[in-house]
Amino acid sequence: EGVFNLGTGVGYSVLDMVHAFERANGVPVPYQIVDRRPGD
């Protein structure tokens, strides 16, 4: 057996992703803050 992680080793937040998407594509992404999800 072999076990391997497939990831980048870098963490980005939800808002990092939203703002990176807006910058890369020049489109707005409206968002609202809501309650946490259980288990996150």
Full PDB file with SEQRES, HELIX, SHEET, SSBOND, CRYST1, ORIGX, SCALE, CONECT and MASTER records, all heavy atoms in Angstrom:
SEQRES   1 A   40  GLU GLY VAL PHE ASN LEU GLY THR GLY VAL GLY TYR SER          
SEQRES   2 A   40  VAL LEU ASP MET VAL HIS ALA PHE GLU ARG ALA ASN GLY          
SEQRES   3 A   40  VAL PRO VAL PRO TYR GLN ILE VAL ASP ARG ARG PRO GLY          
SEQRES   4 A   40  ASP                                                          
HELIX    1 AA1 VAL A   14  ASN A   25  1                                  12    
CRYST1    1.000    1.000    1.000  90.00  90.00  90.00 P 1           1          
ORIGX1      1.000000  0.000000  0.000000        0.00000                         
ORIGX2      0.000000  1.000000  0.000000        0.00000                         
ORIGX3      0.000000  0.000000  1.000000        0.00000                         
SCALE1      1.000000  0.000000  0.000000        0.00000                         
SCALE2      0.000000  1.000000  0.000000        0.00000                         
SCALE3      0.000000  0.000000  1.000000        0.00000                         
ATOM      1  N   GLU A   1       0.823  -1.210   0.000  1.00  0.00           N  
ATOM      2  CA  GLU A   1       0.000   0.000   0.000  1.00  0.00           C  
ATOM      3  C   GLU A   1       0.856   1.258   0.000  1.00  0.00           C  
ATOM      4  O   GLU A   1       1.978   1.277   0.507  1.00  0.00           O  
ATOM      5  CB  GLU A   1      -0.929   0.034   1.223  1.00  0.00           C  
ATOM      6  CG  GLU A   1      -0.178   0.227   2.538  1.00  0.00           C  
ATOM      7  CD  GLU A   1      -1.105   0.543   3.697  1.00  0.00           C  
ATOM      8  OE1 GLU A   1      -1.714  -0.398   4.219  1.00  0.00           O  
ATOM      9  OE2 GLU A   1      -1.191   1.726   4.077  1.00  0.00           O  
ATOM     10  N   GLY A   2       0.307   2.298  -0.600  1.00  0.00           N  
ATOM     11  CA  GLY A   2       0.915   3.619  -0.561  1.00  0.00           C  
ATOM     12  C   GLY A   2      -0.153   4.636  -0.250  1.00  0.00           C  
ATOM     13  O   GLY A   2      -1.283   4.525  -0.743  1.00  0.00           O  
ATOM     14  N   VAL A   3       0.163   5.618   0.582  1.00  0.00           N  
ATOM     15  CA  VAL A   3      -0.792   6.661   0.965  1.00  0.00           C  
ATOM     16  C   VAL A   3      -0.168   8.011   0.646  1.00  0.00           C  
ATOM     17  O   VAL A   3       0.971   8.283   1.049  1.00  0.00           O  
ATOM     18  CB  VAL A   3      -1.123   6.603   2.474  1.00  0.00           C  
ATOM     19  CG1 VAL A   3      -2.175   7.656   2.830  1.00  0.00           C  
ATOM     20  CG2 VAL A   3      -1.594   5.222   2.873  1.00  0.00           C  
ATOM     21  N   PHE A   4      -0.918   8.864  -0.078  1.00  0.00           N  
ATOM     22  CA  PHE A   4      -0.351  10.143  -0.502  1.00  0.00           C  
ATOM     23  C   PHE A   4      -1.380  11.264  -0.407  1.00  0.00           C  
ATOM     24  O   PHE A   4      -2.533  11.094  -0.815  1.00  0.00           O  
ATOM     25  CB  PHE A   4       0.148  10.062  -1.952  1.00  0.00           C  
ATOM     26  CG  PHE A   4       1.220   9.044  -2.165  1.00  0.00           C  
ATOM     27  CD1 PHE A   4       0.912   7.783  -2.645  1.00  0.00           C  
ATOM     28  CD2 PHE A   4       2.545   9.336  -1.850  1.00  0.00           C  
ATOM     29  CE1 PHE A   4       1.900   6.823  -2.821  1.00  0.00           C  
ATOM     30  CE2 PHE A   4       3.545   8.386  -2.028  1.00  0.00           C  
ATOM     31  CZ  PHE A   4       3.222   7.122  -2.520  1.00  0.00           C  
ATOM     32  N   ASN A   5      -0.945  12.403   0.111  1.00  0.00           N  
ATOM     33  CA  ASN A   5      -1.741  13.633   0.045  1.00  0.00           C  
ATOM     34  C   ASN A   5      -1.571  14.265  -1.333  1.00  0.00           C  
ATOM     35  O   ASN A   5      -0.447  14.375  -1.830  1.00  0.00           O  
ATOM     36  CB  ASN A   5      -1.258  14.654   1.075  1.00  0.00           C  
ATOM     37  CG  ASN A   5      -1.667  14.303   2.485  1.00  0.00           C  
ATOM     38  OD1 ASN A   5      -2.617  13.564   2.705  1.00  0.00           O  
ATOM     39  ND2 ASN A   5      -0.940  14.837   3.468  1.00  0.00           N  
ATOM     40  N   LEU A   6      -2.680  14.702  -1.926  1.00  0.00           N  
ATOM     41  CA  LEU A   6      -2.608  15.511  -3.136  1.00  0.00           C  
ATOM     42  C   LEU A   6      -3.165  16.890  -2.806  1.00  0.00           C  
ATOM     43  O   LEU A   6      -4.373  17.098  -2.732  1.00  0.00           O  
ATOM     44  CB  LEU A   6      -3.400  14.863  -4.283  1.00  0.00           C  
ATOM     45  CG  LEU A   6      -2.846  13.536  -4.819  1.00  0.00           C  
ATOM     46  CD1 LEU A   6      -3.670  13.054  -6.013  1.00  0.00           C  
ATOM     47  CD2 LEU A   6      -1.376  13.633  -5.203  1.00  0.00           C  
ATOM     48  N   GLY A   7      -2.261  17.813  -2.559  1.00  0.00           N  
ATOM     49  CA  GLY A   7      -2.622  19.189  -2.240  1.00  0.00           C  
ATOM     50  C   GLY A   7      -1.461  20.087  -2.637  1.00  0.00           C  
ATOM     51  O   GLY A   7      -0.472  19.627  -3.207  1.00  0.00           O  
ATOM     52  N   THR A   8      -1.577  21.367  -2.326  1.00  0.00           N  
ATOM     53  CA  THR A   8      -0.509  22.315  -2.685  1.00  0.00           C  
ATOM     54  C   THR A   8       0.389  22.647  -1.506  1.00  0.00           C  
ATOM     55  O   THR A   8       1.488  23.146  -1.689  1.00  0.00           O  
ATOM     56  CB  THR A   8      -1.096  23.637  -3.215  1.00  0.00           C  
ATOM     57  OG1 THR A   8      -1.817  24.284  -2.154  1.00  0.00           O  
ATOM     58  CG2 THR A   8      -2.028  23.394  -4.397  1.00  0.00           C  
ATOM     59  N   GLY A   9      -0.129  22.421  -0.294  1.00  0.00           N  
ATOM     60  CA  GLY A   9       0.618  22.823   0.892  1.00  0.00           C  
ATOM     61  C   GLY A   9       0.389  24.271   1.284  1.00  0.00           C  
ATOM     62  O   GLY A   9       1.018  24.775   2.205  1.00  0.00           O  
ATOM     63  N   VAL A  10      -0.521  24.953   0.580  1.00  0.00           N  
ATOM     64  CA  VAL A  10      -0.827  26.371   0.852  1.00  0.00           C  
ATOM     65  C   VAL A  10      -2.312  26.499   1.169  1.00  0.00           C  
ATOM     66  O   VAL A  10      -3.151  25.949   0.451  1.00  0.00           O  
ATOM     67  CB  VAL A  10      -0.485  27.263  -0.357  1.00  0.00           C  
ATOM     68  CG1 VAL A  10      -0.842  28.718  -0.070  1.00  0.00           C  
ATOM     69  CG2 VAL A  10       0.990  27.125  -0.727  1.00  0.00           C  
ATOM     70  N   GLY A  11      -2.639  27.228   2.217  1.00  0.00           N  
ATOM     71  CA  GLY A  11      -4.034  27.438   2.577  1.00  0.00           C  
ATOM     72  C   GLY A  11      -4.538  28.808   2.151  1.00  0.00           C  
ATOM     73  O   GLY A  11      -3.834  29.808   2.310  1.00  0.00           O  
ATOM     74  N   TYR A  12      -5.747  28.839   1.581  1.00  0.00           N  
ATOM     75  CA  TYR A  12      -6.409  30.108   1.237  1.00  0.00           C  
ATOM     76  C   TYR A  12      -7.769  30.146   1.921  1.00  0.00           C  
ATOM     77  O   TYR A  12      -8.469  29.128   2.002  1.00  0.00           O  
ATOM     78  CB  TYR A  12      -6.614  30.223  -0.278  1.00  0.00           C  
ATOM     79  CG  TYR A  12      -5.334  30.352  -1.073  1.00  0.00           C  
ATOM     80  CD1 TYR A  12      -4.840  29.270  -1.797  1.00  0.00           C  
ATOM     81  CD2 TYR A  12      -4.619  31.550  -1.090  1.00  0.00           C  
ATOM     82  CE1 TYR A  12      -3.666  29.382  -2.526  1.00  0.00           C  
ATOM     83  CE2 TYR A  12      -3.442  31.666  -1.808  1.00  0.00           C  
ATOM     84  CZ  TYR A  12      -2.965  30.578  -2.527  1.00  0.00           C  
ATOM     85  OH  TYR A  12      -1.803  30.683  -3.240  1.00  0.00           O  
ATOM     86  N   SER A  13      -8.167  31.333   2.383  1.00  0.00           N  
ATOM     87  CA  SER A  13      -9.471  31.468   3.023  1.00  0.00           C  
ATOM     88  C   SER A  13     -10.569  31.602   1.975  1.00  0.00           C  
ATOM     89  O   SER A  13     -10.302  31.820   0.783  1.00  0.00           O  
ATOM     90  CB  SER A  13      -9.478  32.704   3.932  1.00  0.00           C  
ATOM     91  OG  SER A  13      -9.564  33.890   3.143  1.00  0.00           O  
ATOM     92  N   VAL A  14     -11.802  31.498   2.431  1.00  0.00           N  
ATOM     93  CA  VAL A  14     -12.949  31.673   1.528  1.00  0.00           C  
ATOM     94  C   VAL A  14     -12.890  33.048   0.865  1.00  0.00           C  
ATOM     95  O   VAL A  14     -13.059  33.174  -0.355  1.00  0.00           O  
ATOM     96  CB  VAL A  14     -14.281  31.506   2.298  1.00  0.00           C  
ATOM     97  CG1 VAL A  14     -15.468  31.830   1.386  1.00  0.00           C  
ATOM     98  CG2 VAL A  14     -14.405  30.090   2.850  1.00  0.00           C  
ATOM     99  N   LEU A  15     -12.624  34.082   1.657  1.00  0.00           N  
ATOM    100  CA  LEU A  15     -12.575  35.429   1.076  1.00  0.00           C  
ATOM    101  C   LEU A  15     -11.354  35.624   0.187  1.00  0.00           C  
ATOM    102  O   LEU A  15     -11.418  36.375  -0.793  1.00  0.00           O  
ATOM    103  CB  LEU A  15     -12.629  36.494   2.184  1.00  0.00           C  
ATOM    104  CG  LEU A  15     -13.972  36.598   2.918  1.00  0.00           C  
ATOM    105  CD1 LEU A  15     -13.941  37.745   3.930  1.00  0.00           C  
ATOM    106  CD2 LEU A  15     -15.138  36.787   1.947  1.00  0.00           C  
ATOM    107  N   ASP A  16     -10.242  34.947   0.492  1.00  0.00           N  
ATOM    108  CA  ASP A  16      -9.104  34.955  -0.436  1.00  0.00           C  
ATOM    109  C   ASP A  16      -9.547  34.458  -1.806  1.00  0.00           C  
ATOM    110  O   ASP A  16      -9.184  35.027  -2.843  1.00  0.00           O  
ATOM    111  CB  ASP A  16      -7.979  34.030   0.059  1.00  0.00           C  
ATOM    112  CG  ASP A  16      -7.204  34.588   1.242  1.00  0.00           C  
ATOM    113  OD1 ASP A  16      -7.229  35.815   1.447  1.00  0.00           O  
ATOM    114  OD2 ASP A  16      -6.573  33.777   1.947  1.00  0.00           O  
ATOM    115  N   MET A  17     -10.323  33.376  -1.806  1.00  0.00           N  
ATOM    116  CA  MET A  17     -10.779  32.780  -3.071  1.00  0.00           C  
ATOM    117  C   MET A  17     -11.733  33.720  -3.805  1.00  0.00           C  
ATOM    118  O   MET A  17     -11.640  33.891  -5.029  1.00  0.00           O  
ATOM    119  CB  MET A  17     -11.463  31.438  -2.805  1.00  0.00           C  
ATOM    120  CG  MET A  17     -10.553  30.373  -2.215  1.00  0.00           C  
ATOM    121  SD  MET A  17      -9.172  29.929  -3.293  1.00  0.00           S  
ATOM    122  CE  MET A  17     -10.025  28.978  -4.554  1.00  0.00           C  
ATOM    123  N   VAL A  18     -12.635  34.323  -3.072  1.00  0.00           N  
ATOM    124  CA  VAL A  18     -13.597  35.259  -3.683  1.00  0.00           C  
ATOM    125  C   VAL A  18     -12.854  36.416  -4.348  1.00  0.00           C  
ATOM    126  O   VAL A  18     -13.101  36.755  -5.517  1.00  0.00           O  
ATOM    127  CB  VAL A  18     -14.588  35.792  -2.621  1.00  0.00           C  
ATOM    128  CG1 VAL A  18     -15.409  36.951  -3.188  1.00  0.00           C  
ATOM    129  CG2 VAL A  18     -15.515  34.673  -2.151  1.00  0.00           C  
ATOM    130  N   HIS A  19     -11.941  37.024  -3.623  1.00  0.00           N  
ATOM    131  CA  HIS A  19     -11.239  38.204  -4.156  1.00  0.00           C  
ATOM    132  C   HIS A  19     -10.281  37.828  -5.282  1.00  0.00           C  
ATOM    133  O   HIS A  19     -10.124  38.585  -6.258  1.00  0.00           O  
ATOM    134  CB  HIS A  19     -10.500  38.925  -3.026  1.00  0.00           C  
ATOM    135  CG  HIS A  19     -11.422  39.426  -1.947  1.00  0.00           C  
ATOM    136  ND1 HIS A  19     -12.665  39.974  -2.229  1.00  0.00           N  
ATOM    137  CD2 HIS A  19     -11.293  39.441  -0.585  1.00  0.00           C  
ATOM    138  CE1 HIS A  19     -13.255  40.311  -1.097  1.00  0.00           C  
ATOM    139  NE2 HIS A  19     -12.451  39.996  -0.092  1.00  0.00           N  
ATOM    140  N   ALA A  20      -9.651  36.641  -5.189  1.00  0.00           N  
ATOM    141  CA  ALA A  20      -8.770  36.190  -6.276  1.00  0.00           C  
ATOM    142  C   ALA A  20      -9.576  35.950  -7.549  1.00  0.00           C  
ATOM    143  O   ALA A  20      -9.125  36.278  -8.653  1.00  0.00           O  
ATOM    144  CB  ALA A  20      -8.044  34.907  -5.863  1.00  0.00           C  
ATOM    145  N   PHE A  21     -10.780  35.408  -7.401  1.00  0.00           N  
ATOM    146  CA  PHE A  21     -11.663  35.166  -8.552  1.00  0.00           C  
ATOM    147  C   PHE A  21     -12.056  36.499  -9.197  1.00  0.00           C  
ATOM    148  O   PHE A  21     -12.032  36.636 -10.425  1.00  0.00           O  
ATOM    149  CB  PHE A  21     -12.909  34.407  -8.089  1.00  0.00           C  
ATOM    150  CG  PHE A  21     -13.793  33.915  -9.205  1.00  0.00           C  
ATOM    151  CD1 PHE A  21     -13.644  32.632  -9.702  1.00  0.00           C  
ATOM    152  CD2 PHE A  21     -14.778  34.729  -9.760  1.00  0.00           C  
ATOM    153  CE1 PHE A  21     -14.458  32.166 -10.730  1.00  0.00           C  
ATOM    154  CE2 PHE A  21     -15.593  34.274 -10.779  1.00  0.00           C  
ATOM    155  CZ  PHE A  21     -15.432  32.992 -11.268  1.00  0.00           C  
ATOM    156  N   GLU A  22     -12.405  37.472  -8.371  1.00  0.00           N  
ATOM    157  CA  GLU A  22     -12.790  38.793  -8.897  1.00  0.00           C  
ATOM    158  C   GLU A  22     -11.627  39.435  -9.645  1.00  0.00           C  
ATOM    159  O   GLU A  22     -11.804  40.001 -10.732  1.00  0.00           O  
ATOM    160  CB  GLU A  22     -13.259  39.692  -7.747  1.00  0.00           C  
ATOM    161  CG  GLU A  22     -14.575  39.249  -7.133  1.00  0.00           C  
ATOM    162  CD  GLU A  22     -14.986  40.108  -5.949  1.00  0.00           C  
ATOM    163  OE1 GLU A  22     -14.080  40.520  -5.163  1.00  0.00           O  
ATOM    164  OE2 GLU A  22     -16.189  40.365  -5.778  1.00  0.00           O  
ATOM    165  N   ARG A  23     -10.420  39.351  -9.074  1.00  0.00           N  
ATOM    166  CA  ARG A  23      -9.241  39.951  -9.710  1.00  0.00           C  
ATOM    167  C   ARG A  23      -8.898  39.244 -11.028  1.00  0.00           C  
ATOM    168  O   ARG A  23      -8.609  39.897 -12.034  1.00  0.00           O  
ATOM    169  CB  ARG A  23      -8.022  39.875  -8.770  1.00  0.00           C  
ATOM    170  CG  ARG A  23      -8.024  40.871  -7.646  1.00  0.00           C  
ATOM    171  CD  ARG A  23      -6.641  40.955  -7.005  1.00  0.00           C  
ATOM    172  NE  ARG A  23      -6.138  39.645  -6.582  1.00  0.00           N  
ATOM    173  CZ  ARG A  23      -6.395  39.095  -5.402  1.00  0.00           C  
ATOM    174  NH1 ARG A  23      -7.145  39.730  -4.516  1.00  0.00           N  
ATOM    175  NH2 ARG A  23      -5.881  37.917  -5.092  1.00  0.00           N  
ATOM    176  N   ALA A  24      -8.922  37.915 -11.017  1.00  0.00           N  
ATOM    177  CA  ALA A  24      -8.494  37.152 -12.194  1.00  0.00           C  
ATOM    178  C   ALA A  24      -9.440  37.342 -13.367  1.00  0.00           C  
ATOM    179  O   ALA A  24      -9.017  37.311 -14.533  1.00  0.00           O  
ATOM    180  CB  ALA A  24      -8.391  35.665 -11.849  1.00  0.00           C  
ATOM    181  N   ASN A  25     -10.731  37.560 -13.067  1.00  0.00           N  
ATOM    182  CA  ASN A  25     -11.738  37.540 -14.131  1.00  0.00           C  
ATOM    183  C   ASN A  25     -12.466  38.857 -14.339  1.00  0.00           C  
ATOM    184  O   ASN A  25     -13.249  38.989 -15.283  1.00  0.00           O  
ATOM    185  CB  ASN A  25     -12.756  36.418 -13.842  1.00  0.00           C  
ATOM    186  CG  ASN A  25     -12.074  35.065 -13.750  1.00  0.00           C  
ATOM    187  OD1 ASN A  25     -11.354  34.668 -14.657  1.00  0.00           O  
ATOM    188  ND2 ASN A  25     -12.297  34.351 -12.646  1.00  0.00           N  
ATOM    189  N   GLY A  26     -12.229  39.841 -13.463  1.00  0.00           N  
ATOM    190  CA  GLY A  26     -12.869  41.131 -13.621  1.00  0.00           C  
ATOM    191  C   GLY A  26     -14.373  41.101 -13.466  1.00  0.00           C  
ATOM    192  O   GLY A  26     -15.095  41.869 -14.106  1.00  0.00           O  
ATOM    193  N   VAL A  27     -14.867  40.181 -12.621  1.00  0.00           N  
ATOM    194  CA  VAL A  27     -16.314  40.082 -12.384  1.00  0.00           C  
ATOM    195  C   VAL A  27     -16.571  40.139 -10.877  1.00  0.00           C  
ATOM    196  O   VAL A  27     -15.766  39.640 -10.092  1.00  0.00           O  
ATOM    197  CB  VAL A  27     -16.903  38.776 -12.970  1.00  0.00           C  
ATOM    198  CG1 VAL A  27     -16.869  38.796 -14.487  1.00  0.00           C  
ATOM    199  CG2 VAL A  27     -16.170  37.544 -12.444  1.00  0.00           C  
ATOM    200  N   PRO A  28     -17.679  40.761 -10.462  1.00  0.00           N  
ATOM    201  CA  PRO A  28     -17.984  40.827  -9.030  1.00  0.00           C  
ATOM    202  C   PRO A  28     -18.617  39.528  -8.536  1.00  0.00           C  
ATOM    203  O   PRO A  28     -19.308  38.836  -9.283  1.00  0.00           O  
ATOM    204  CB  PRO A  28     -18.984  41.987  -8.938  1.00  0.00           C  
ATOM    205  CG  PRO A  28     -19.665  41.994 -10.276  1.00  0.00           C  
ATOM    206  CD  PRO A  28     -18.649  41.522 -11.283  1.00  0.00           C  
ATOM    207  N   VAL A  29     -18.368  39.209  -7.275  1.00  0.00           N  
ATOM    208  CA  VAL A  29     -18.993  38.043  -6.633  1.00  0.00           C  
ATOM    209  C   VAL A  29     -19.649  38.524  -5.338  1.00  0.00           C  
ATOM    210  O   VAL A  29     -19.001  38.650  -4.296  1.00  0.00           O  
ATOM    211  CB  VAL A  29     -17.955  36.940  -6.319  1.00  0.00           C  
ATOM    212  CG1 VAL A  29     -18.647  35.748  -5.650  1.00  0.00           C  
ATOM    213  CG2 VAL A  29     -17.216  36.497  -7.577  1.00  0.00           C  
ATOM    214  N   PRO A  30     -20.952  38.860  -5.397  1.00  0.00           N  
ATOM    215  CA  PRO A  30     -21.631  39.295  -4.173  1.00  0.00           C  
ATOM    216  C   PRO A  30     -21.673  38.161  -3.145  1.00  0.00           C  
ATOM    217  O   PRO A  30     -21.905  37.011  -3.509  1.00  0.00           O  
ATOM    218  CB  PRO A  30     -23.047  39.654  -4.636  1.00  0.00           C  
ATOM    219  CG  PRO A  30     -23.126  39.333  -6.079  1.00  0.00           C  
ATOM    220  CD  PRO A  30     -21.822  38.811  -6.557  1.00  0.00           C  
ATOM    221  N   TYR A  31     -21.437  38.501  -1.879  1.00  0.00           N  
ATOM    222  CA  TYR A  31     -21.480  37.462  -0.844  1.00  0.00           C  
ATOM    223  C   TYR A  31     -22.081  38.028   0.429  1.00  0.00           C  
ATOM    224  O   TYR A  31     -22.143  39.237   0.622  1.00  0.00           O  
ATOM    225  CB  TYR A  31     -20.077  36.905  -0.566  1.00  0.00           C  
ATOM    226  CG  TYR A  31     -19.111  37.870   0.067  1.00  0.00           C  
ATOM    227  CD1 TYR A  31     -19.036  38.013   1.456  1.00  0.00           C  
ATOM    228  CD2 TYR A  31     -18.248  38.647  -0.716  1.00  0.00           C  
ATOM    229  CE1 TYR A  31     -18.133  38.898   2.049  1.00  0.00           C  
ATOM    230  CE2 TYR A  31     -17.349  39.533  -0.148  1.00  0.00           C  
ATOM    231  CZ  TYR A  31     -17.290  39.655   1.239  1.00  0.00           C  
ATOM    232  OH  TYR A  31     -16.428  40.538   1.819  1.00  0.00           O  
ATOM    233  N   GLN A  32     -22.530  37.123   1.288  1.00  0.00           N  
ATOM    234  CA  GLN A  32     -23.028  37.514   2.599  1.00  0.00           C  
ATOM    235  C   GLN A  32     -22.494  36.534   3.639  1.00  0.00           C  
ATOM    236  O   GLN A  32     -22.291  35.355   3.344  1.00  0.00           O  
ATOM    237  CB  GLN A  32     -24.563  37.519   2.636  1.00  0.00           C  
ATOM    238  CG  GLN A  32     -25.187  36.160   2.356  1.00  0.00           C  
ATOM    239  CD  GLN A  32     -26.700  36.166   2.444  1.00  0.00           C  
ATOM    240  OE1 GLN A  32     -27.297  37.143   2.894  1.00  0.00           O  
ATOM    241  NE2 GLN A  32     -27.329  35.080   2.014  1.00  0.00           N  
ATOM    242  N   ILE A  33     -22.238  37.036   4.828  1.00  0.00           N  
ATOM    243  CA  ILE A  33     -21.764  36.191   5.919  1.00  0.00           C  
ATOM    244  C   ILE A  33     -22.979  35.557   6.600  1.00  0.00           C  
ATOM    245  O   ILE A  33     -23.936  36.259   6.959  1.00  0.00           O  
ATOM    246  CB  ILE A  33     -20.962  37.002   6.950  1.00  0.00           C  
ATOM    247  CG1 ILE A  33     -19.811  37.764   6.269  1.00  0.00           C  
ATOM    248  CG2 ILE A  33     -20.437  36.087   8.048  1.00  0.00           C  
ATOM    249  CD1 ILE A  33     -18.774  36.899   5.602  1.00  0.00           C  
ATOM    250  N   VAL A  34     -22.947  34.238   6.759  1.00  0.00           N  
ATOM    251  CA  VAL A  34     -24.021  33.529   7.453  1.00  0.00           C  
ATOM    252  C   VAL A  34     -23.383  32.687   8.561  1.00  0.00           C  
ATOM    253  O   VAL A  34     -22.167  32.689   8.748  1.00  0.00           O  
ATOM    254  CB  VAL A  34     -24.834  32.636   6.483  1.00  0.00           C  
ATOM    255  CG1 VAL A  34     -25.510  33.501   5.414  1.00  0.00           C  
ATOM    256  CG2 VAL A  34     -23.956  31.580   5.820  1.00  0.00           C  
ATOM    257  N   ASP A  35     -24.235  31.980   9.314  1.00  0.00           N  
ATOM    258  CA  ASP A  35     -23.727  31.194  10.438  1.00  0.00           C  
ATOM    259  C   ASP A  35     -22.770  30.108   9.971  1.00  0.00           C  
ATOM    260  O   ASP A  35     -22.860  29.601   8.852  1.00  0.00           O  
ATOM    261  CB  ASP A  35     -24.894  30.539  11.191  1.00  0.00           C  
ATOM    262  CG  ASP A  35     -25.743  31.566  11.934  1.00  0.00           C  
ATOM    263  OD1 ASP A  35     -25.243  32.692  12.154  1.00  0.00           O  
ATOM    264  OD2 ASP A  35     -26.899  31.238  12.272  1.00  0.00           O  
ATOM    265  N   ARG A  36     -21.883  29.733  10.876  1.00  0.00           N  
ATOM    266  CA  ARG A  36     -20.994  28.596  10.611  1.00  0.00           C  
ATOM    267  C   ARG A  36     -21.803  27.327  10.331  1.00  0.00           C  
ATOM    268  O   ARG A  36     -22.932  27.179  10.790  1.00  0.00           O  
ATOM    269  CB  ARG A  36     -20.126  28.299  11.835  1.00  0.00           C  
ATOM    270  CG  ARG A  36     -19.087  29.323  12.193  1.00  0.00           C  
ATOM    271  CD  ARG A  36     -18.271  28.745  13.349  1.00  0.00           C  
ATOM    272  NE  ARG A  36     -17.255  29.658  13.863  1.00  0.00           N  
ATOM    273  CZ  ARG A  36     -16.293  29.283  14.702  1.00  0.00           C  
ATOM    274  NH1 ARG A  36     -16.225  28.026  15.117  1.00  0.00           N  
ATOM    275  NH2 ARG A  36     -15.402  30.161  15.128  1.00  0.00           N  
ATOM    276  N   ARG A  37     -21.183  26.408   9.601  1.00  0.00           N  
ATOM    277  CA  ARG A  37     -21.769  25.070   9.439  1.00  0.00           C  
ATOM    278  C   ARG A  37     -21.223  24.168  10.544  1.00  0.00           C  
ATOM    279  O   ARG A  37     -20.036  24.240  10.868  1.00  0.00           O  
ATOM    280  CB  ARG A  37     -21.411  24.474   8.075  1.00  0.00           C  
ATOM    281  CG  ARG A  37     -22.112  25.130   6.919  1.00  0.00           C  
ATOM    282  CD  ARG A  37     -21.731  24.479   5.608  1.00  0.00           C  
ATOM    283  NE  ARG A  37     -20.280  24.529   5.356  1.00  0.00           N  
ATOM    284  CZ  ARG A  37     -19.719  24.311   4.179  1.00  0.00           C  
ATOM    285  NH1 ARG A  37     -20.480  24.009   3.135  1.00  0.00           N  
ATOM    286  NH2 ARG A  37     -18.409  24.373   4.030  1.00  0.00           N  
ATOM    287  N   PRO A  38     -22.079  23.291  11.099  1.00  0.00           N  
ATOM    288  CA  PRO A  38     -21.583  22.377  12.130  1.00  0.00           C  
ATOM    289  C   PRO A  38     -20.486  21.481  11.555  1.00  0.00           C  
ATOM    290  O   PRO A  38     -20.599  20.991  10.438  1.00  0.00           O  
ATOM    291  CB  PRO A  38     -22.816  21.542  12.506  1.00  0.00           C  
ATOM    292  CG  PRO A  38     -23.990  22.184  11.850  1.00  0.00           C  
ATOM    293  CD  PRO A  38     -23.495  23.125  10.818  1.00  0.00           C  
ATOM    294  N   GLY A  39     -19.429  21.278  12.340  1.00  0.00           N  
ATOM    295  CA  GLY A  39     -18.378  20.346  11.923  1.00  0.00           C  
ATOM    296  C   GLY A  39     -17.272  20.958  11.090  1.00  0.00           C  
ATOM    297  O   GLY A  39     -16.252  20.309  10.845  1.00  0.00           O  
ATOM    298  N   ASP A  40     -17.438  22.188  10.628  1.00  0.00           N  
ATOM    299  CA  ASP A  40     -16.379  22.827   9.834  1.00  0.00           C  
ATOM    300  C   ASP A  40     -15.194  23.207  10.727  1.00  0.00           C  
ATOM    301  O   ASP A  40     -15.381  23.727  11.834  1.00  0.00           O  
ATOM    302  CB  ASP A  40     -16.915  24.097   9.147  1.00  0.00           C  
ATOM    303  CG  ASP A  40     -17.552  23.806   7.806  1.00  0.00           C  
ATOM    304  OD1 ASP A  40     -17.519  22.641   7.370  1.00  0.00           O  
ATOM    305  OD2 ASP A  40     -18.080  24.748   7.181  1.00  0.00           O  
TER     306      ASP A  40                                                      
MASTER        0    0    0    1    0    0    0    6  305    1    0    4          
END                                                                             
